[in-house]
């Protein structure tokens, strides 16, 4: 695939890559029905004609309304050489809990790493996935799995900064499905992106104070069960513990980054787009790893 950035190429900004085909009433009643995903042929053509291999694919996934689209826009803005002529080309973001992203949307311009040499090949493709908790279970699972197998960097956006039971189940089920399929695909690098958390923290249970901890300790706590301090049954604790162990076994290279590492100027530049902008102030530091 040739890297093309000529003047004849129409600047489209973000366009839909994958559409979830709504089931009919009859299909909804069929327990064997498998939700269908449809690839946008124009988006497919753009990737084939304008992106240069190898293509690194960054996919933002997570619950609805956590700021995935905003983060996708900030990422595209950071890598774009020239900003789009109109804000309407950026990823659309919903205010409050109203989701506006349906299926998977992509940034149609081939991007390059800022430190990449001009002679070095390769493009970056950014994908923004619909909040999987806004879909029915099977459709959400299919969309989540699609994003996992196509991504180079599988970025799970967390707000609050913890993995809830549904997120754990989705990740566990997708990895289990991947293993059962004996897929030849290589699992992506997984990143946890906790928003509203400029430093890695946990709450001291005795004093209630926020304590700053290392990135590695934060990751360890995210995938650990505090069996002495939770309201879960023993069976539930054991199931959760087994899920965590399976996830970290299948994805041993899980990493995380504070949203505060992104240039503040980018947040200010796009602050007027909606109410769900990721915030980096210290007023939201209480979102920590402690969940059980």
C-alpha atoms as a PDB file:
ATOM      1  CA  UNK A   1       0.000   0.000   0.000  1.00  0.00           C
ATOM      2  CA  UNK A   2       1.350   3.376  -0.947  1.00  0.00           C
ATOM      3  CA  UNK A   3       1.400   6.309   1.426  1.00  0.00           C
ATOM      4  CA  UNK A   4      -0.472   9.068  -0.404  1.00  0.00           C
ATOM      5  CA  UNK A   5      -0.960  12.566   0.971  1.00  0.00           C
ATOM      6  CA  UNK A   6      -1.637  14.494  -2.205  1.00  0.00           C
ATOM      7  CA  UNK A   7      -3.832  17.539  -2.706  1.00  0.00           C
ATOM      8  CA  UNK A   8      -6.428  15.509  -4.625  1.00  0.00           C
ATOM      9  CA  UNK A   9      -7.249  13.417  -1.556  1.00  0.00           C
ATOM     10  CA  UNK A  10     -10.440  14.732   0.025  1.00  0.00           C
ATOM     11  CA  UNK A  11     -10.065  15.421   3.740  1.00  0.00           C
ATOM     12  CA  UNK A  12     -12.911  13.487   5.325  1.00  0.00           C
ATOM     13  CA  UNK A  13     -11.857  13.455   8.950  1.00  0.00           C
ATOM     14  CA  UNK A  14     -13.626  10.626  10.758  1.00  0.00           C
ATOM     15  CA  UNK A  15     -15.906   8.210   8.919  1.00  0.00           C
ATOM     16  CA  UNK A  16     -17.708   5.048   9.930  1.00  0.00           C
ATOM     17  CA  UNK A  17     -15.711   1.849   9.432  1.00  0.00           C
ATOM     18  CA  UNK A  18     -18.065  -0.735  10.957  1.00  0.00           C
ATOM     19  CA  UNK A  19     -21.842  -0.704  11.268  1.00  0.00           C
ATOM     20  CA  UNK A  20     -23.806  -3.017  13.538  1.00  0.00           C
ATOM     21  CA  UNK A  21     -26.689  -4.406  11.458  1.00  0.00           C
ATOM     22  CA  UNK A  22     -29.898  -4.209  13.535  1.00  0.00           C
ATOM     23  CA  UNK A  23     -31.553  -7.633  13.938  1.00  0.00           C
ATOM     24  CA  UNK A  24     -35.122  -8.210  12.831  1.00  0.00           C
ATOM     25  CA  UNK A  25     -37.793  -9.046  15.407  1.00  0.00           C
ATOM     26  CA  UNK A  26     -37.558 -12.687  14.363  1.00  0.00           C
ATOM     27  CA  UNK A  27     -33.769 -12.710  14.717  1.00  0.00           C
ATOM     28  CA  UNK A  28     -34.027 -11.171  18.190  1.00  0.00           C
ATOM     29  CA  UNK A  29     -36.119 -14.140  19.316  1.00  0.00           C
ATOM     30  CA  UNK A  30     -33.645 -16.668  17.917  1.00  0.00           C
ATOM     31  CA  UNK A  31     -31.105 -17.676  20.626  1.00  0.00           C
ATOM     32  CA  UNK A  32     -28.765 -18.939  17.887  1.00  0.00           C
ATOM     33  CA  UNK A  33     -28.673 -15.621  16.037  1.00  0.00           C
ATOM     34  CA  UNK A  34     -25.202 -14.146  15.569  1.00  0.00           C
ATOM     35  CA  UNK A  35     -25.133 -10.314  15.289  1.00  0.00           C
ATOM     36  CA  UNK A  36     -23.705  -9.082  12.002  1.00  0.00           C
ATOM     37  CA  UNK A  37     -21.114  -6.356  11.474  1.00  0.00           C
ATOM     38  CA  UNK A  38     -20.811  -4.563   8.123  1.00  0.00           C
ATOM     39  CA  UNK A  39     -17.590  -2.973   6.838  1.00  0.00           C
ATOM     40  CA  UNK A  40     -17.929   0.361   5.043  1.00  0.00           C
ATOM     41  CA  UNK A  41     -16.477  -0.248   1.566  1.00  0.00           C
ATOM     42  CA  UNK A  42     -15.383   3.379   1.181  1.00  0.00           C
ATOM     43  CA  UNK A  43     -13.453   3.269   4.460  1.00  0.00           C
ATOM     44  CA  UNK A  44     -11.886   0.001   3.354  1.00  0.00           C
ATOM     45  CA  UNK A  45     -10.836   1.609   0.071  1.00  0.00           C
ATOM     46  CA  UNK A  46      -9.312   4.608   1.862  1.00  0.00           C
ATOM     47  CA  UNK A  47      -7.190   2.318   4.024  1.00  0.00           C
ATOM     48  CA  UNK A  48      -6.059   0.348   0.967  1.00  0.00           C
ATOM     49  CA  UNK A  49      -5.163   3.421  -1.088  1.00  0.00           C
ATOM     50  CA  UNK A  50      -3.867   5.956   1.419  1.00  0.00           C
ATOM     51  CA  UNK A  51      -2.342   4.025   4.316  1.00  0.00           C
ATOM     52  CA  UNK A  52       1.143   2.586   4.105  1.00  0.00           C
ATOM     53  CA  UNK A  53       2.025  -0.770   5.631  1.00  0.00           C
ATOM     54  CA  UNK A  54       2.779  -1.620   8.329  1.00  0.00           C
ATOM     55  CA  UNK A  55      -0.336  -0.021   9.802  1.00  0.00           C
ATOM     56  CA  UNK A  56      -0.431   0.476  13.566  1.00  0.00           C
ATOM     57  CA  UNK A  57      -4.047   0.514  14.746  1.00  0.00           C
ATOM     58  CA  UNK A  58      -5.018   2.296  17.969  1.00  0.00           C
ATOM     59  CA  UNK A  59      -8.523   1.359  19.147  1.00  0.00           C
ATOM     60  CA  UNK A  60     -10.318   3.144  21.981  1.00  0.00           C
ATOM     61  CA  UNK A  61     -12.914   0.964  23.740  1.00  0.00           C
ATOM     62  CA  UNK A  62     -14.851   1.276  26.989  1.00  0.00           C
ATOM     63  CA  UNK A  63     -18.227   2.114  28.436  1.00  0.00           C
ATOM     64  CA  UNK A  64     -20.512   4.718  26.915  1.00  0.00           C
ATOM     65  CA  UNK A  65     -19.861   8.329  27.871  1.00  0.00           C
ATOM     66  CA  UNK A  66     -16.374   7.907  29.356  1.00  0.00           C
ATOM     67  CA  UNK A  67     -14.599  10.118  26.797  1.00  0.00           C
ATOM     68  CA  UNK A  68     -13.379   7.683  24.111  1.00  0.00           C
ATOM     69  CA  UNK A  69     -14.296   9.936  21.189  1.00  0.00           C
ATOM     70  CA  UNK A  70     -12.729  12.952  22.845  1.00  0.00           C
ATOM     71  CA  UNK A  71      -9.531  11.009  23.452  1.00  0.00           C
ATOM     72  CA  UNK A  72      -9.543   9.806  19.824  1.00  0.00           C
ATOM     73  CA  UNK A  73      -9.868  13.431  18.684  1.00  0.00           C
ATOM     74  CA  UNK A  74      -7.050  14.578  20.956  1.00  0.00           C
ATOM     75  CA  UNK A  75      -4.849  11.762  19.625  1.00  0.00           C
ATOM     76  CA  UNK A  76      -5.592  12.638  15.999  1.00  0.00           C
ATOM     77  CA  UNK A  77      -4.968  16.325  16.714  1.00  0.00           C
ATOM     78  CA  UNK A  78      -1.613  15.496  18.287  1.00  0.00           C
ATOM     79  CA  UNK A  79      -0.496  13.525  15.233  1.00  0.00           C
ATOM     80  CA  UNK A  80      -2.056  15.602  12.453  1.00  0.00           C
ATOM     81  CA  UNK A  81       0.345  17.897  10.607  1.00  0.00           C
ATOM     82  CA  UNK A  82      -2.524  20.206   9.699  1.00  0.00           C
ATOM     83  CA  UNK A  83      -5.797  20.586  11.583  1.00  0.00           C
ATOM     84  CA  UNK A  84      -9.015  19.930   9.620  1.00  0.00           C
ATOM     85  CA  UNK A  85     -10.629  22.994   8.129  1.00  0.00           C
ATOM     86  CA  UNK A  86     -13.730  22.451  10.241  1.00  0.00           C
ATOM     87  CA  UNK A  87     -14.378  20.969  13.668  1.00  0.00           C
ATOM     88  CA  UNK A  88     -17.169  18.847  12.174  1.00  0.00           C
ATOM     89  CA  UNK A  89     -14.519  16.457  10.840  1.00  0.00           C
ATOM     90  CA  UNK A  90     -13.404  15.393  14.338  1.00  0.00           C
ATOM     91  CA  UNK A  91     -14.834  12.386  16.155  1.00  0.00           C
ATOM     92  CA  UNK A  92     -18.293  13.241  17.462  1.00  0.00           C
ATOM     93  CA  UNK A  93     -18.719  13.279  21.230  1.00  0.00           C
ATOM     94  CA  UNK A  94     -21.941  13.135  23.186  1.00  0.00           C
ATOM     95  CA  UNK A  95     -22.679  15.243  26.231  1.00  0.00           C
ATOM     96  CA  UNK A  96     -23.703  13.453  29.393  1.00  0.00           C
ATOM     97  CA  UNK A  97     -24.652   9.815  28.854  1.00  0.00           C
ATOM     98  CA  UNK A  98     -26.044  10.238  25.336  1.00  0.00           C
ATOM     99  CA  UNK A  99     -23.996   8.114  22.961  1.00  0.00           C
ATOM    100  CA  UNK A 100     -23.483   9.377  19.410  1.00  0.00           C
ATOM    101  CA  UNK A 101     -20.859   6.884  18.219  1.00  0.00           C
ATOM    102  CA  UNK A 102     -22.448   3.861  16.562  1.00  0.00           C
ATOM    103  CA  UNK A 103     -20.316   0.926  15.485  1.00  0.00           C
ATOM    104  CA  UNK A 104     -16.656   1.790  14.881  1.00  0.00           C
ATOM    105  CA  UNK A 105     -15.421   5.080  13.409  1.00  0.00           C
ATOM    106  CA  UNK A 106     -11.965   5.742  11.982  1.00  0.00           C
ATOM    107  CA  UNK A 107      -9.750   8.749  11.333  1.00  0.00           C
ATOM    108  CA  UNK A 108      -9.500   8.670   7.547  1.00  0.00           C
ATOM    109  CA  UNK A 109      -6.113  10.380   7.307  1.00  0.00           C
ATOM    110  CA  UNK A 110      -2.918   8.284   7.578  1.00  0.00           C
ATOM    111  CA  UNK A 111      -0.975   9.499  10.606  1.00  0.00           C
ATOM    112  CA  UNK A 112       2.679   9.073  11.485  1.00  0.00           C
ATOM    113  CA  UNK A 113       4.511   8.852  14.778  1.00  0.00           C
ATOM    114  CA  UNK A 114       5.977  12.295  15.626  1.00  0.00           C
ATOM    115  CA  UNK A 115       9.451  10.787  16.068  1.00  0.00           C
ATOM    116  CA  UNK A 116       9.219   8.735  12.887  1.00  0.00           C
ATOM    117  CA  UNK A 117      11.800   9.449  10.210  1.00  0.00           C
ATOM    118  CA  UNK A 118      10.362  10.644   6.897  1.00  0.00           C
ATOM    119  CA  UNK A 119      12.016   7.702   5.175  1.00  0.00           C
ATOM    120  CA  UNK A 120      10.487   5.187   7.582  1.00  0.00           C
ATOM    121  CA  UNK A 121       7.420   3.358   6.338  1.00  0.00           C
ATOM    122  CA  UNK A 122       4.197   2.859   8.214  1.00  0.00           C
ATOM    123  CA  UNK A 123       0.956   4.644   9.128  1.00  0.00           C
ATOM    124  CA  UNK A 124      -1.176   5.005  12.236  1.00  0.00           C
ATOM    125  CA  UNK A 125      -4.936   4.364  12.087  1.00  0.00           C
ATOM    126  CA  UNK A 126      -7.167   5.551  14.946  1.00  0.00           C
ATOM    127  CA  UNK A 127     -10.469   3.783  15.680  1.00  0.00           C
ATOM    128  CA  UNK A 128     -13.224   4.876  18.060  1.00  0.00           C
ATOM    129  CA  UNK A 129     -15.606   2.124  19.216  1.00  0.00           C
ATOM    130  CA  UNK A 130     -19.177   2.540  20.399  1.00  0.00           C
ATOM    131  CA  UNK A 131     -19.653   2.055  24.131  1.00  0.00           C
ATOM    132  CA  UNK A 132     -20.166  -1.701  24.356  1.00  0.00           C
ATOM    133  CA  UNK A 133     -22.389  -1.365  27.424  1.00  0.00           C
ATOM    134  CA  UNK A 134     -24.947   0.480  25.263  1.00  0.00           C
ATOM    135  CA  UNK A 135     -25.483  -2.554  22.997  1.00  0.00           C
ATOM    136  CA  UNK A 136     -27.159  -5.887  23.569  1.00  0.00           C
ATOM    137  CA  UNK A 137     -24.783  -8.482  24.996  1.00  0.00           C
ATOM    138  CA  UNK A 138     -24.076 -10.417  21.774  1.00  0.00           C
ATOM    139  CA  UNK A 139     -23.626  -7.365  19.535  1.00  0.00           C
ATOM    140  CA  UNK A 140     -21.385  -5.700  22.109  1.00  0.00           C
ATOM    141  CA  UNK A 141     -19.295  -8.866  22.408  1.00  0.00           C
ATOM    142  CA  UNK A 142     -18.840  -9.095  18.628  1.00  0.00           C
ATOM    143  CA  UNK A 143     -17.852  -5.445  18.299  1.00  0.00           C
ATOM    144  CA  UNK A 144     -15.436  -5.694  21.243  1.00  0.00           C
ATOM    145  CA  UNK A 145     -13.864  -8.839  19.790  1.00  0.00           C
ATOM    146  CA  UNK A 146     -13.488  -7.220  16.365  1.00  0.00           C
ATOM    147  CA  UNK A 147     -11.656  -4.287  17.931  1.00  0.00           C
ATOM    148  CA  UNK A 148      -9.363  -6.614  19.849  1.00  0.00           C
ATOM    149  CA  UNK A 149      -8.262  -8.717  16.873  1.00  0.00           C
ATOM    150  CA  UNK A 150      -7.633  -5.774  14.510  1.00  0.00           C
ATOM    151  CA  UNK A 151      -5.818  -3.533  16.986  1.00  0.00           C
ATOM    152  CA  UNK A 152      -2.134  -3.010  17.560  1.00  0.00           C
ATOM    153  CA  UNK A 153      -2.845  -1.010  20.718  1.00  0.00           C
ATOM    154  CA  UNK A 154      -6.090  -1.980  22.471  1.00  0.00           C
ATOM    155  CA  UNK A 155      -6.802   1.034  24.688  1.00  0.00           C
ATOM    156  CA  UNK A 156      -9.469   0.544  27.365  1.00  0.00           C
ATOM    157  CA  UNK A 157     -10.665   3.927  28.632  1.00  0.00           C
ATOM    158  CA  UNK A 158     -11.594   3.838  32.327  1.00  0.00           C
ATOM    159  CA  UNK A 159     -13.823   6.375  34.037  1.00  0.00           C
ATOM    160  CA  UNK A 160     -13.876   5.955  37.002  1.00  0.00           C
ATOM    161  CA  UNK A 161     -10.350   4.584  37.115  1.00  0.00           C
ATOM    162  CA  UNK A 162     -11.189   0.955  37.828  1.00  0.00           C
ATOM    163  CA  UNK A 163     -12.319  -2.152  35.961  1.00  0.00           C
ATOM    164  CA  UNK A 164     -15.933  -2.924  36.796  1.00  0.00           C
ATOM    165  CA  UNK A 165     -17.463  -6.396  36.647  1.00  0.00           C
ATOM    166  CA  UNK A 166     -18.915  -5.908  33.156  1.00  0.00           C
ATOM    167  CA  UNK A 167     -15.597  -4.724  31.717  1.00  0.00           C
ATOM    168  CA  UNK A 168     -13.835  -7.678  33.309  1.00  0.00           C
ATOM    169  CA  UNK A 169     -16.400 -10.084  31.845  1.00  0.00           C
ATOM    170  CA  UNK A 170     -16.109  -8.559  28.352  1.00  0.00           C
ATOM    171  CA  UNK A 171     -12.329  -8.788  28.366  1.00  0.00           C
ATOM    172  CA  UNK A 172     -12.331 -12.312  29.796  1.00  0.00           C
ATOM    173  CA  UNK A 173     -14.935 -13.554  27.295  1.00  0.00           C
ATOM    174  CA  UNK A 174     -13.129 -11.990  24.311  1.00  0.00           C
ATOM    175  CA  UNK A 175      -9.797 -13.549  25.293  1.00  0.00           C
ATOM    176  CA  UNK A 176     -11.452 -16.905  25.884  1.00  0.00           C
ATOM    177  CA  UNK A 177     -13.114 -16.690  22.472  1.00  0.00           C
ATOM    178  CA  UNK A 178      -9.756 -15.805  20.936  1.00  0.00           C
ATOM    179  CA  UNK A 179      -8.147 -18.865  22.527  1.00  0.00           C
ATOM    180  CA  UNK A 180     -10.954 -21.239  21.522  1.00  0.00           C
ATOM    181  CA  UNK A 181     -10.755 -20.045  17.907  1.00  0.00           C
ATOM    182  CA  UNK A 182      -7.020 -20.805  17.879  1.00  0.00           C
ATOM    183  CA  UNK A 183      -6.667 -17.635  15.837  1.00  0.00           C
ATOM    184  CA  UNK A 184      -3.462 -16.894  13.954  1.00  0.00           C
ATOM    185  CA  UNK A 185      -3.844 -13.234  14.897  1.00  0.00           C
ATOM    186  CA  UNK A 186      -1.429 -11.815  17.427  1.00  0.00           C
ATOM    187  CA  UNK A 187      -3.033 -10.334  20.522  1.00  0.00           C
ATOM    188  CA  UNK A 188      -2.553  -6.556  20.759  1.00  0.00           C
ATOM    189  CA  UNK A 189      -0.706  -4.532  23.338  1.00  0.00           C
ATOM    190  CA  UNK A 190      -3.299  -3.624  25.934  1.00  0.00           C
ATOM    191  CA  UNK A 191      -3.362  -0.185  27.539  1.00  0.00           C
ATOM    192  CA  UNK A 192      -5.522   0.960  30.434  1.00  0.00           C
ATOM    193  CA  UNK A 193      -6.259   4.687  30.225  1.00  0.00           C
ATOM    194  CA  UNK A 194      -7.660   5.931  33.538  1.00  0.00           C
ATOM    195  CA  UNK A 195      -9.182   9.366  33.048  1.00  0.00           C
ATOM    196  CA  UNK A 196      -9.379  11.939  35.835  1.00  0.00           C
ATOM    197  CA  UNK A 197      -6.319  10.356  37.441  1.00  0.00           C
ATOM    198  CA  UNK A 198      -3.221  12.557  36.966  1.00  0.00           C
ATOM    199  CA  UNK A 199      -1.266  10.323  39.371  1.00  0.00           C
ATOM    200  CA  UNK A 200      -1.677   6.660  40.299  1.00  0.00           C
ATOM    201  CA  UNK A 201      -3.467   6.444  43.632  1.00  0.00           C
ATOM    202  CA  UNK A 202      -5.245   4.140  46.014  1.00  0.00           C
ATOM    203  CA  UNK A 203      -7.257   4.885  49.131  1.00  0.00           C
ATOM    204  CA  UNK A 204      -5.843   3.965  52.518  1.00  0.00           C
ATOM    205  CA  UNK A 205      -8.717   2.011  54.062  1.00  0.00           C
ATOM    206  CA  UNK A 206      -7.772   3.019  57.599  1.00  0.00           C
ATOM    207  CA  UNK A 207      -7.305   6.763  57.103  1.00  0.00           C
ATOM    208  CA  UNK A 208      -9.268   7.385  53.897  1.00  0.00           C
ATOM    209  CA  UNK A 209      -6.308   9.287  52.461  1.00  0.00           C
ATOM    210  CA  UNK A 210      -5.177   9.084  48.836  1.00  0.00           C
ATOM    211  CA  UNK A 211      -1.762   7.449  48.610  1.00  0.00           C
ATOM    212  CA  UNK A 212       0.354   7.810  45.488  1.00  0.00           C
ATOM    213  CA  UNK A 213       1.675   4.485  44.216  1.00  0.00           C
ATOM    214  CA  UNK A 214       3.793   3.294  41.299  1.00  0.00           C
ATOM    215  CA  UNK A 215       2.338   2.361  37.928  1.00  0.00           C
ATOM    216  CA  UNK A 216       3.225  -1.306  38.458  1.00  0.00           C
ATOM    217  CA  UNK A 217       1.522  -1.401  41.852  1.00  0.00           C
ATOM    218  CA  UNK A 218      -1.567   0.301  40.411  1.00  0.00           C
ATOM    219  CA  UNK A 219      -1.777  -2.333  37.663  1.00  0.00           C
ATOM    220  CA  UNK A 220      -1.336  -5.102  40.220  1.00  0.00           C
ATOM    221  CA  UNK A 221      -4.176  -3.712  42.332  1.00  0.00           C
ATOM    222  CA  UNK A 222      -6.442  -3.296  39.300  1.00  0.00           C
ATOM    223  CA  UNK A 223      -6.243  -7.043  38.650  1.00  0.00           C
ATOM    224  CA  UNK A 224      -6.353  -8.188  42.275  1.00  0.00           C
ATOM    225  CA  UNK A 225      -9.179  -9.081  44.650  1.00  0.00           C
ATOM    226  CA  UNK A 226      -9.066  -7.734  48.185  1.00  0.00           C
ATOM    227  CA  UNK A 227     -10.695 -10.759  49.787  1.00  0.00           C
ATOM    228  CA  UNK A 228     -10.675  -9.237  53.270  1.00  0.00           C
ATOM    229  CA  UNK A 229     -12.342  -5.967  52.365  1.00  0.00           C
ATOM    230  CA  UNK A 230     -15.277  -6.564  50.019  1.00  0.00           C
ATOM    231  CA  UNK A 231     -18.915  -7.584  50.107  1.00  0.00           C
ATOM    232  CA  UNK A 232     -18.633 -10.361  47.537  1.00  0.00           C
ATOM    233  CA  UNK A 233     -19.355 -13.995  48.263  1.00  0.00           C
ATOM    234  CA  UNK A 234     -16.451 -16.440  48.434  1.00  0.00           C
ATOM    235  CA  UNK A 235     -17.552 -18.012  45.148  1.00  0.00           C
ATOM    236  CA  UNK A 236     -17.763 -14.614  43.450  1.00  0.00           C
ATOM    237  CA  UNK A 237     -14.322 -13.650  44.760  1.00  0.00           C
ATOM    238  CA  UNK A 238     -12.858 -16.883  43.436  1.00  0.00           C
ATOM    239  CA  UNK A 239     -14.449 -16.418  40.003  1.00  0.00           C
ATOM    240  CA  UNK A 240     -13.168 -12.859  39.778  1.00  0.00           C
ATOM    241  CA  UNK A 241      -9.713 -13.940  40.886  1.00  0.00           C
ATOM    242  CA  UNK A 242      -9.618 -16.643  38.196  1.00  0.00           C
ATOM    243  CA  UNK A 243     -10.738 -14.136  35.552  1.00  0.00           C
ATOM    244  CA  UNK A 244      -7.991 -11.715  36.548  1.00  0.00           C
ATOM    245  CA  UNK A 245      -5.365 -14.459  36.441  1.00  0.00           C
ATOM    246  CA  UNK A 246      -6.552 -15.560  32.998  1.00  0.00           C
ATOM    247  CA  UNK A 247      -6.507 -11.987  31.635  1.00  0.00           C
ATOM    248  CA  UNK A 248      -2.989 -11.265  32.887  1.00  0.00           C
ATOM    249  CA  UNK A 249      -1.806 -14.654  31.602  1.00  0.00           C
ATOM    250  CA  UNK A 250      -3.192 -14.023  28.115  1.00  0.00           C
ATOM    251  CA  UNK A 251      -2.053 -10.380  28.078  1.00  0.00           C
ATOM    252  CA  UNK A 252       1.210 -10.278  30.034  1.00  0.00           C
ATOM    253  CA  UNK A 253       2.208  -6.894  28.554  1.00  0.00           C
ATOM    254  CA  UNK A 254      -0.658  -4.802  29.944  1.00  0.00           C
ATOM    255  CA  UNK A 255       0.441  -1.206  30.440  1.00  0.00           C
ATOM    256  CA  UNK A 256      -1.143   2.040  31.549  1.00  0.00           C
ATOM    257  CA  UNK A 257      -0.632   5.759  31.172  1.00  0.00           C
ATOM    258  CA  UNK A 258      -2.028   8.808  32.936  1.00  0.00           C
ATOM    259  CA  UNK A 259      -4.210  10.996  30.785  1.00  0.00           C
ATOM    260  CA  UNK A 260      -2.289  13.946  32.211  1.00  0.00           C
ATOM    261  CA  UNK A 261       0.689  13.031  30.030  1.00  0.00           C
ATOM    262  CA  UNK A 262      -1.087  14.445  26.961  1.00  0.00           C
ATOM    263  CA  UNK A 263      -0.261  18.107  26.208  1.00  0.00           C
ATOM    264  CA  UNK A 264      -2.690  20.378  28.050  1.00  0.00           C
ATOM    265  CA  UNK A 265      -2.879  22.684  25.007  1.00  0.00           C
ATOM    266  CA  UNK A 266      -4.731  19.925  23.142  1.00  0.00           C
ATOM    267  CA  UNK A 267      -7.402  19.751  25.821  1.00  0.00           C
ATOM    268  CA  UNK A 268      -7.822  23.522  25.788  1.00  0.00           C
ATOM    269  CA  UNK A 269      -7.987  23.568  21.983  1.00  0.00           C
ATOM    270  CA  UNK A 270     -11.003  21.249  21.912  1.00  0.00           C
ATOM    271  CA  UNK A 271     -12.667  22.191  25.192  1.00  0.00           C
ATOM    272  CA  UNK A 272     -15.810  23.608  23.547  1.00  0.00           C
ATOM    273  CA  UNK A 273     -16.812  20.385  21.794  1.00  0.00           C
ATOM    274  CA  UNK A 274     -18.814  18.792  24.613  1.00  0.00           C
ATOM    275  CA  UNK A 275     -19.173  18.370  28.331  1.00  0.00           C
ATOM    276  CA  UNK A 276     -17.356  15.033  28.504  1.00  0.00           C
ATOM    277  CA  UNK A 277     -13.803  16.258  28.035  1.00  0.00           C
ATOM    278  CA  UNK A 278     -11.279  14.231  30.063  1.00  0.00           C
ATOM    279  CA  UNK A 279     -10.237  16.410  32.995  1.00  0.00           C
ATOM    280  CA  UNK A 280      -6.752  16.484  34.450  1.00  0.00           C
ATOM    281  CA  UNK A 281      -7.306  18.569  37.556  1.00  0.00           C
ATOM    282  CA  UNK A 282      -6.859  17.236  41.063  1.00  0.00           C
ATOM    283  CA  UNK A 283     -10.526  17.601  41.970  1.00  0.00           C
ATOM    284  CA  UNK A 284     -11.221  14.109  40.621  1.00  0.00           C
ATOM    285  CA  UNK A 285      -8.373  12.260  42.281  1.00  0.00           C
ATOM    286  CA  UNK A 286     -10.704   9.995  44.251  1.00  0.00           C
ATOM    287  CA  UNK A 287     -11.112   7.576  41.350  1.00  0.00           C
ATOM    288  CA  UNK A 288      -8.648   4.944  42.487  1.00  0.00           C
ATOM    289  CA  UNK A 289      -7.957   1.265  42.156  1.00  0.00           C
ATOM    290  CA  UNK A 290      -9.940   0.218  45.226  1.00  0.00           C
ATOM    291  CA  UNK A 291     -13.093  -1.523  44.017  1.00  0.00           C
ATOM    292  CA  UNK A 292     -13.646  -4.501  46.353  1.00  0.00           C
END
